[in-house]
Amino acid sequence: MIRRRRILLADDHALVRAGIRALLQSLPGVEVVGETGNGLDALDRVRRDPPDVILLDITLPGLNGLDVAARIERLGVPTRVLMLSMHASPEYAARAFAAGAIGYLNKDSAFDELATALDAVCAGRRYLCRAIDPELV
C-alpha cells in the first residue's frame, strides 16, 4: 500500500495552483490538503496541520517564500519544503536551501521532474532542478 503524501500548495497565482493541483492529483499516493496564495496563511496552515510537503513559491504576498521556509524550519514540524520558483538562477536556489528548503524546482520544469522532486523530498533527499548547475549553488 502506498503511503499518502500530504501536500500544501502555496503560490500567488490561482491558475498556477489549479494546474499544479491537477498534476499532483494524478500521482498515486498524493493528497493535496490545501492551497493558499499568501505566505502568512501558508505558515499558519503548516503550524495548525503540518503537511508532509509544502510546495512553496518564492514570491508571495504577506511573507515571501524564503521567509516562510525559514520559519517552518524553526517550528520544528516534519514538513519538508520544496521551493517552486520562476527563478532559474543558482543564487535563488542557494538562498532557498539556506532558508531550510530541501528541494528547489523551476516552474519551467516538466511534470516528470515535479514527480521526481516530490519523491526525493518526501524521502528526505535534497533535490535541485535539472536547469541549475549544482556546482554553482
Protein backbone atom coordinates (compact mmCIF):
# COMPACT_ATOMS: atom_id res chain seq x y z
CA MET A 1 0.00 0.00 0.00
CA ILE A 2 1.31 3.44 -0.95
CA ARG A 3 1.65 5.87 1.94
CA ARG A 4 -0.32 9.04 1.33
CA ARG A 5 1.81 12.14 0.95
CA ARG A 6 0.01 15.24 2.15
CA ILE A 7 0.88 18.33 0.09
CA LEU A 8 0.12 22.02 0.68
CA LEU A 9 0.36 24.38 -2.31
CA ALA A 10 1.45 27.98 -1.81
CA ASP A 11 1.59 30.13 -4.94
CA ASP A 12 0.21 33.61 -5.51
CA HIS A 13 -1.39 32.67 -8.86
CA ALA A 14 -4.71 30.81 -8.63
CA LEU A 15 -4.42 29.31 -12.13
CA VAL A 16 -0.92 28.01 -11.38
CA ARG A 17 -2.19 26.40 -8.17
CA ALA A 18 -5.09 24.81 -10.04
CA GLY A 19 -2.75 23.37 -12.67
CA ILE A 20 -0.30 22.03 -10.11
CA ARG A 21 -3.15 20.57 -8.06
CA ALA A 22 -4.46 18.70 -11.12
CA LEU A 23 -0.98 17.36 -11.89
CA LEU A 24 -0.34 16.28 -8.31
CA GLN A 25 -3.72 14.57 -8.01
CA SER A 26 -2.79 12.37 -10.96
CA LEU A 27 0.11 10.91 -8.95
CA PRO A 28 -0.54 7.82 -6.84
CA GLY A 29 -0.45 8.43 -3.12
CA VAL A 30 -0.59 12.22 -3.32
CA GLU A 31 -3.24 14.19 -1.48
CA VAL A 32 -3.39 17.97 -1.88
CA VAL A 33 -4.61 19.04 1.56
CA GLY A 34 -4.87 22.75 0.83
CA GLU A 35 -3.70 25.73 -1.09
CA THR A 36 -3.04 29.37 -0.45
CA GLY A 37 -1.77 32.45 -2.24
CA ASN A 38 -0.35 34.15 0.85
CA GLY A 39 2.84 33.49 2.81
CA LEU A 40 1.36 34.26 6.23
CA ASP A 41 -1.55 31.94 5.56
CA ALA A 42 0.85 29.20 4.37
CA LEU A 43 2.81 29.45 7.62
CA ASP A 44 -0.38 29.37 9.68
CA ARG A 45 -1.62 26.26 7.85
CA VAL A 46 1.69 24.47 8.40
CA ARG A 47 1.59 25.42 12.09
CA ARG A 48 -2.01 24.15 12.54
CA ASP A 49 -1.84 20.92 10.50
CA PRO A 50 1.65 20.19 9.16
CA PRO A 51 1.60 18.59 5.70
CA ASP A 52 4.37 16.24 4.60
CA VAL A 53 5.49 18.75 1.97
CA ILE A 54 4.75 22.35 1.16
CA LEU A 55 5.23 23.28 -2.49
CA LEU A 56 6.22 26.89 -1.92
CA ASP A 57 6.63 29.79 -4.33
CA ILE A 58 9.27 32.40 -3.50
CA THR A 59 7.14 35.37 -4.48
CA LEU A 60 4.17 35.55 -2.11
CA PRO A 61 2.31 38.46 -0.54
CA GLY A 62 2.29 38.77 3.23
CA LEU A 63 5.54 36.87 3.71
CA ASN A 64 7.82 35.69 0.92
CA GLY A 65 8.56 32.01 0.43
CA LEU A 66 12.14 32.26 1.68
CA ASP A 67 10.92 33.70 4.98
CA VAL A 68 8.16 31.10 5.19
CA ALA A 69 10.73 28.32 4.69
CA ALA A 70 12.96 29.72 7.42
CA ARG A 71 10.06 29.99 9.85
CA ILE A 72 8.88 26.45 9.07
CA GLU A 73 12.40 25.27 9.91
CA ARG A 74 12.16 27.00 13.31
CA LEU A 75 8.71 25.50 14.01
CA GLY A 76 10.23 22.04 14.28
CA VAL A 77 7.40 20.41 12.32
CA PRO A 78 8.09 17.47 9.98
CA THR A 79 7.04 19.48 6.90
CA ARG A 80 9.60 19.49 4.10
CA VAL A 81 9.86 22.50 1.81
CA LEU A 82 10.01 22.08 -1.97
CA MET A 83 10.55 25.55 -3.37
CA LEU A 84 8.87 26.18 -6.71
CA SER A 85 10.09 29.29 -8.47
CA MET A 86 10.26 31.10 -11.78
CA HIS A 87 13.89 31.95 -10.91
CA ALA A 88 16.31 29.53 -12.57
CA SER A 89 19.39 31.07 -11.01
CA PRO A 90 21.82 29.33 -8.65
CA GLU A 91 21.61 32.31 -6.30
CA TYR A 92 17.91 31.80 -5.63
CA ALA A 93 18.40 28.07 -5.17
CA ALA A 94 21.22 28.71 -2.69
CA ARG A 95 19.04 31.17 -0.77
CA ALA A 96 16.19 28.64 -0.69
CA PHE A 97 18.44 25.88 0.68
CA ALA A 98 19.93 28.28 3.24
CA ALA A 99 16.38 29.15 4.36
CA GLY A 100 15.58 25.49 5.00
CA ALA A 101 14.18 24.18 1.71
CA ILE A 102 15.15 20.61 0.87
CA GLY A 103 14.21 20.94 -2.80
CA TYR A 104 14.26 23.60 -5.50
CA LEU A 105 12.27 23.28 -8.71
CA ASN A 106 11.96 25.76 -11.55
CA LYS A 107 8.45 26.45 -12.88
CA ASP A 108 9.71 25.66 -16.38
CA SER A 109 10.35 22.06 -15.30
CA ALA A 110 8.47 19.19 -16.89
CA PHE A 111 5.83 17.22 -15.00
CA ASP A 112 8.08 14.17 -14.63
CA GLU A 113 10.65 16.35 -12.86
CA LEU A 114 7.99 17.57 -10.44
CA ALA A 115 7.19 13.94 -9.62
CA THR A 116 10.89 13.12 -9.22
CA ALA A 117 11.45 16.15 -6.98
CA LEU A 118 8.46 15.26 -4.85
CA ASP A 119 9.67 11.67 -4.44
CA ALA A 120 13.14 12.87 -3.42
CA VAL A 121 11.86 15.46 -0.95
CA CYS A 122 9.39 13.02 0.62
CA ALA A 123 12.27 10.58 1.11
CA GLY A 124 14.31 13.30 2.82
CA ARG A 125 16.75 13.75 -0.06
CA ARG A 126 17.81 17.15 -1.34
CA TYR A 127 16.63 17.94 -4.87
CA LEU A 128 17.87 20.59 -7.29
CA CYS A 129 16.15 21.03 -10.65
CA ARG A 130 18.00 19.95 -13.76
CA ALA A 131 18.04 23.52 -15.12
CA ILE A 132 20.56 24.66 -12.48
CA ASP A 133 24.16 23.52 -12.32
CA PRO A 134 24.71 22.12 -8.81
CA GLU A 135 28.33 23.30 -8.89
CA LEU A 136 27.06 26.89 -8.88
CA VAL A 137 24.75 26.53 -5.89
